[in-house]
C-alpha atoms as a PDB file:
ATOM      1  CA  MET A   1      -7.076 -10.469  17.281  1.00  0.00           C
ATOM      2  CA  SER A   2     -10.373  -9.452  17.956  1.00  0.00           C
ATOM      3  CA  GLU A   3     -14.009 -10.569  15.847  1.00  0.00           C
ATOM      4  CA  GLU A   4     -13.569  -7.886  13.736  1.00  0.00           C
ATOM      5  CA  THR A   5     -13.378  -8.032   9.691  1.00  0.00           C
ATOM      6  CA  GLU A   6     -10.102  -9.747   9.440  1.00  0.00           C
ATOM      7  CA  ARG A   7      -8.474  -9.113   6.049  1.00  0.00           C
ATOM      8  CA  VAL A   8      -5.716 -11.671   4.463  1.00  0.00           C
ATOM      9  CA  ALA A   9      -2.825 -10.437   1.713  1.00  0.00           C
ATOM     10  CA  THR A  10      -0.839 -12.486  -0.066  1.00  0.00           C
ATOM     11  CA  CYS A  11       2.152 -12.330  -2.834  1.00  0.00           C
ATOM     12  CA  SER A  12       1.152 -13.717  -6.028  1.00  0.00           C
ATOM     13  CA  CYS A  13       2.561 -17.363  -5.063  1.00  0.00           C
ATOM     14  CA  GLY A  14       1.030 -17.309  -2.030  1.00  0.00           C
ATOM     15  CA  ARG A  15       3.829 -18.063   0.561  1.00  0.00           C
ATOM     16  CA  LEU A  16       3.590 -14.445   2.150  1.00  0.00           C
ATOM     17  CA  ARG A  17       1.014 -13.570   3.851  1.00  0.00           C
ATOM     18  CA  VAL A  18      -0.318 -10.341   6.244  1.00  0.00           C
ATOM     19  CA  THR A  19      -3.930 -10.220   7.851  1.00  0.00           C
ATOM     20  CA  ALA A  20      -5.230  -6.907   8.961  1.00  0.00           C
ATOM     21  CA  ASN A  21      -8.094  -7.155  11.547  1.00  0.00           C
ATOM     22  CA  GLY A  22     -10.898  -4.397  10.396  1.00  0.00           C
ATOM     23  CA  GLU A  23     -11.400  -1.544   8.291  1.00  0.00           C
ATOM     24  CA  PRO A  24      -8.592   0.212   7.067  1.00  0.00           C
ATOM     25  CA  ASP A  25      -8.241   3.738   8.959  1.00  0.00           C
ATOM     26  CA  VAL A  26      -6.940   5.537   5.328  1.00  0.00           C
ATOM     27  CA  VAL A  27      -6.625   3.912   1.871  1.00  0.00           C
ATOM     28  CA  VAL A  28      -4.440   6.066  -0.773  1.00  0.00           C
ATOM     29  CA  ALA A  29      -3.955   5.734  -4.074  1.00  0.00           C
ATOM     30  CA  CYS A  30      -0.284   7.295  -5.635  1.00  0.00           C
ATOM     31  CA  SER A  31       1.031   8.179  -9.130  1.00  0.00           C
ATOM     32  CA  CYS A  32       4.998   8.952  -7.672  1.00  0.00           C
ATOM     33  CA  ILE A  33       7.565   7.224  -9.760  1.00  0.00           C
ATOM     34  CA  ALA A  34       8.657   4.857  -7.398  1.00  0.00           C
ATOM     35  CA  CYS A  35       5.341   3.451  -6.739  1.00  0.00           C
ATOM     36  CA  GLN A  36       4.629   3.481 -10.636  1.00  0.00           C
ATOM     37  CA  LYS A  37       8.186   1.119 -10.279  1.00  0.00           C
ATOM     38  CA  ARG A  38       7.921  -0.545  -7.567  1.00  0.00           C
ATOM     39  CA  THR A  39       4.218  -1.731  -8.908  1.00  0.00           C
ATOM     40  CA  GLY A  40       4.576  -2.049 -12.315  1.00  0.00           C
ATOM     41  CA  SER A  41       1.692  -0.193 -13.014  1.00  0.00           C
ATOM     42  CA  PRO A  42       0.930   4.161 -13.008  1.00  0.00           C
ATOM     43  CA  TYR A  43      -0.172   4.018  -9.676  1.00  0.00           C
ATOM     44  CA  GLY A  44      -0.434   2.105  -6.549  1.00  0.00           C
ATOM     45  CA  VAL A  45      -2.792   1.933  -4.140  1.00  0.00           C
ATOM     46  CA  GLY A  46      -2.374   0.868  -0.885  1.00  0.00           C
ATOM     47  CA  ALA A  47      -4.629   0.600   2.807  1.00  0.00           C
ATOM     48  CA  TYR A  48      -3.272   1.943   6.289  1.00  0.00           C
ATOM     49  CA  PHE A  49      -3.397   0.132   9.035  1.00  0.00           C
ATOM     50  CA  SER A  50      -2.630   0.837  12.295  1.00  0.00           C
ATOM     51  CA  ARG A  51       0.357  -1.111  13.680  1.00  0.00           C
ATOM     52  CA  ASP A  52      -1.605  -3.197  16.582  1.00  0.00           C
ATOM     53  CA  ARG A  53      -4.039  -4.446  13.759  1.00  0.00           C
ATOM     54  CA  ILE A  54      -1.885  -6.616  11.759  1.00  0.00           C
ATOM     55  CA  ALA A  55      -0.832  -9.788  13.140  1.00  0.00           C
ATOM     56  CA  PRO A  56       2.527 -11.100  12.952  1.00  0.00           C
ATOM     57  CA  VAL A  57       3.072 -11.358   8.990  1.00  0.00           C
ATOM     58  CA  GLU A  58       3.981 -15.377   8.107  1.00  0.00           C
ATOM     59  CA  GLY A  59       6.160 -15.914   5.297  1.00  0.00           C
ATOM     60  CA  GLU A  60       9.865 -15.451   4.724  1.00  0.00           C
ATOM     61  CA  TYR A  61      10.494 -12.013   3.003  1.00  0.00           C
ATOM     62  CA  LYS A  62      13.020  -9.341   1.715  1.00  0.00           C
ATOM     63  CA  SER A  63      13.064  -5.678   2.296  1.00  0.00           C
ATOM     64  CA  HIS A  64      14.317  -2.806   0.018  1.00  0.00           C
ATOM     65  CA  ARG A  65      14.833   0.634   1.559  1.00  0.00           C
ATOM     66  CA  ARG A  66      14.821   4.140  -0.332  1.00  0.00           C
ATOM     67  CA  GLY A  67      14.933   7.466   0.575  1.00  0.00           C
ATOM     68  CA  THR A  68      11.419   9.926  -0.546  1.00  0.00           C
ATOM     69  CA  ASP A  69      11.312  13.086  -1.704  1.00  0.00           C
ATOM     70  CA  SER A  70      10.729  14.411   1.655  1.00  0.00           C
ATOM     71  CA  GLY A  71      14.090  13.408   3.173  1.00  0.00           C
ATOM     72  CA  ARG A  72      12.026  10.321   4.679  1.00  0.00           C
ATOM     73  CA  THR A  73      12.278   6.441   4.135  1.00  0.00           C
ATOM     74  CA  PHE A  74      10.125   3.823   2.442  1.00  0.00           C
ATOM     75  CA  THR A  75      10.575   0.388   3.034  1.00  0.00           C
ATOM     76  CA  THR A  76       9.102  -2.618   0.633  1.00  0.00           C
ATOM     77  CA  HIS A  77       8.807  -5.824   2.013  1.00  0.00           C
ATOM     78  CA  PHE A  78       8.140  -8.672  -0.830  1.00  0.00           C
ATOM     79  CA  CYS A  79       8.333 -12.084  -1.462  1.00  0.00           C
ATOM     80  CA  PRO A  80      11.291 -13.439  -2.641  1.00  0.00           C
ATOM     81  CA  GLU A  81      10.061 -16.510  -4.153  1.00  0.00           C
ATOM     82  CA  CYS A  82       7.208 -14.473  -6.284  1.00  0.00           C
ATOM     83  CA  GLY A  83       8.712 -11.239  -6.386  1.00  0.00           C
ATOM     84  CA  THR A  84       5.139  -8.920  -4.998  1.00  0.00           C
ATOM     85  CA  SER A  85       5.416  -5.926  -2.816  1.00  0.00           C
ATOM     86  CA  VAL A  86       3.506  -6.808  -0.560  1.00  0.00           C
ATOM     87  CA  PHE A  87       3.472  -4.456   2.574  1.00  0.00           C
ATOM     88  CA  TRP A  88       5.939  -1.391   3.518  1.00  0.00           C
ATOM     89  CA  GLU A  89       6.468   0.911   5.784  1.00  0.00           C
ATOM     90  CA  LEU A  90       7.380   4.696   5.924  1.00  0.00           C
ATOM     91  CA  ASP A  91       8.896   6.869   8.080  1.00  0.00           C
ATOM     92  CA  MET A  92       6.025   9.809   7.591  1.00  0.00           C
ATOM     93  CA  ARG A  93       3.241   6.768   9.166  1.00  0.00           C
ATOM     94  CA  PRO A  94       5.471   4.946  12.025  1.00  0.00           C
ATOM     95  CA  GLN A  95       2.307   4.193  13.788  1.00  0.00           C
ATOM     96  CA  HIS A  96       0.905   2.312  10.283  1.00  0.00           C
ATOM     97  CA  ILE A  97       1.861  -0.561   7.786  1.00  0.00           C
ATOM     98  CA  GLY A  98       1.188  -0.208   4.359  1.00  0.00           C
ATOM     99  CA  VAL A  99      -0.450  -2.710   2.397  1.00  0.00           C
ATOM    100  CA  ALA A 100      -1.099  -3.977  -1.260  1.00  0.00           C
ATOM    101  CA  VAL A 101      -4.815  -3.304  -1.843  1.00  0.00           C
ATOM    102  CA  GLY A 102      -4.661  -5.419  -4.769  1.00  0.00           C
ATOM    103  CA  CYS A 103      -2.574  -8.783  -2.614  1.00  0.00           C
ATOM    104  CA  PHE A 104      -6.021  -8.821  -1.066  1.00  0.00           C
ATOM    105  CA  GLY A 105      -7.809  -9.587  -4.061  1.00  0.00           C
ATOM    106  CA  ASP A 106     -11.104  -8.423  -2.949  1.00  0.00           C
ATOM    107  CA  PRO A 107     -12.688  -6.351  -5.438  1.00  0.00           C
ATOM    108  CA  GLN A 108     -15.191  -4.717  -2.850  1.00  0.00           C
ATOM    109  CA  PHE A 109     -12.276  -3.259  -0.986  1.00  0.00           C
ATOM    110  CA  PRO A 110     -12.723   0.478   0.016  1.00  0.00           C
ATOM    111  CA  ARG A 111     -11.755   2.811  -2.378  1.00  0.00           C
ATOM    112  CA  PRO A 112      -9.253   5.440  -2.016  1.00  0.00           C
ATOM    113  CA  ALA A 113      -9.704   8.479  -0.137  1.00  0.00           C
ATOM    114  CA  ARG A 114      -7.517  10.509  -1.952  1.00  0.00           C
ATOM    115  CA  ALA A 115      -4.893  10.177  -4.587  1.00  0.00           C
ATOM    116  CA  VAL A 116      -1.510  11.833  -3.783  1.00  0.00           C
ATOM    117  CA  TRP A 117       1.173  13.047  -6.704  1.00  0.00           C
ATOM    118  CA  ALA A 118      -1.042  13.216  -9.700  1.00  0.00           C
ATOM    119  CA  GLU A 119       1.880  15.654 -11.246  1.00  0.00           C
ATOM    120  CA  SER A 120       3.561  12.255 -12.237  1.00  0.00           C
ATOM    121  CA  ARG A 121      -0.209  10.561 -13.042  1.00  0.00           C
ATOM    122  CA  HIS A 122       0.162   9.398 -16.554  1.00  0.00           C
ATOM    123  CA  ASP A 123      -2.682  11.045 -19.320  1.00  0.00           C
ATOM    124  CA  TRP A 124      -4.952   8.217 -19.361  1.00  0.00           C
ATOM    125  CA  ALA A 125      -5.275   7.370 -15.961  1.00  0.00           C
ATOM    126  CA  VAL A 126      -8.251   9.132 -14.509  1.00  0.00           C
ATOM    127  CA  TYR A 127      -9.745   9.417 -11.339  1.00  0.00           C
ATOM    128  CA  PRO A 128     -13.461   9.702 -10.252  1.00  0.00           C
ATOM    129  CA  ASP A 129     -14.662  13.410  -9.254  1.00  0.00           C
ATOM    130  CA  ASP A 130     -15.241  13.028  -6.094  1.00  0.00           C
ATOM    131  CA  LEU A 131     -12.017  12.096  -4.966  1.00  0.00           C
ATOM    132  CA  PRO A 132      -9.865  14.244  -3.660  1.00  0.00           C
ATOM    133  CA  VAL A 133      -6.799  14.878  -6.189  1.00  0.00           C
ATOM    134  CA  PHE A 134      -3.162  16.522  -5.275  1.00  0.00           C
ATOM    135  CA  GLU A 135      -0.513  17.524  -7.015  1.00  0.00           C
ATOM    136  CA  LYS A 136       2.157  16.173  -4.329  1.00  0.00           C
ATOM    137  CA  ALA A 137       1.995  14.665  -1.435  1.00  0.00           C
ATOM    138  CA  ALA A 138      -1.349  15.141   1.124  1.00  0.00           C
ATOM    139  CA  THR A 139      -0.228  17.089   4.011  1.00  0.00           C
END
């Protein structure tokens, strides 16, 4: 990997690590019900990096593959010890790896470029006025 910014995402117990080189291609906040269940939060925030900017994953993980409303698949990879969902792959973004922004533990991490699936957003979950918000997936 080059000398760009190196970002390391870890699970709660630290056994699963994903290292990304450079800035994410895009950061997205998602309020779909599946992300709410995956995170235990009203939304998930994912940073998408090109596969070639992700170092080999360190540590063991288990995977859960599910279908999406569009008929594609979403595969979440999580720590078998603490259960943290650290990274994922989507059929609709085959050239990218999604990494849970919270796993970076960096309050200065770049903010989302957009929010999707706002139709299932909790009424009290408010996005900044200048953030593009889509009722479903962004096209």
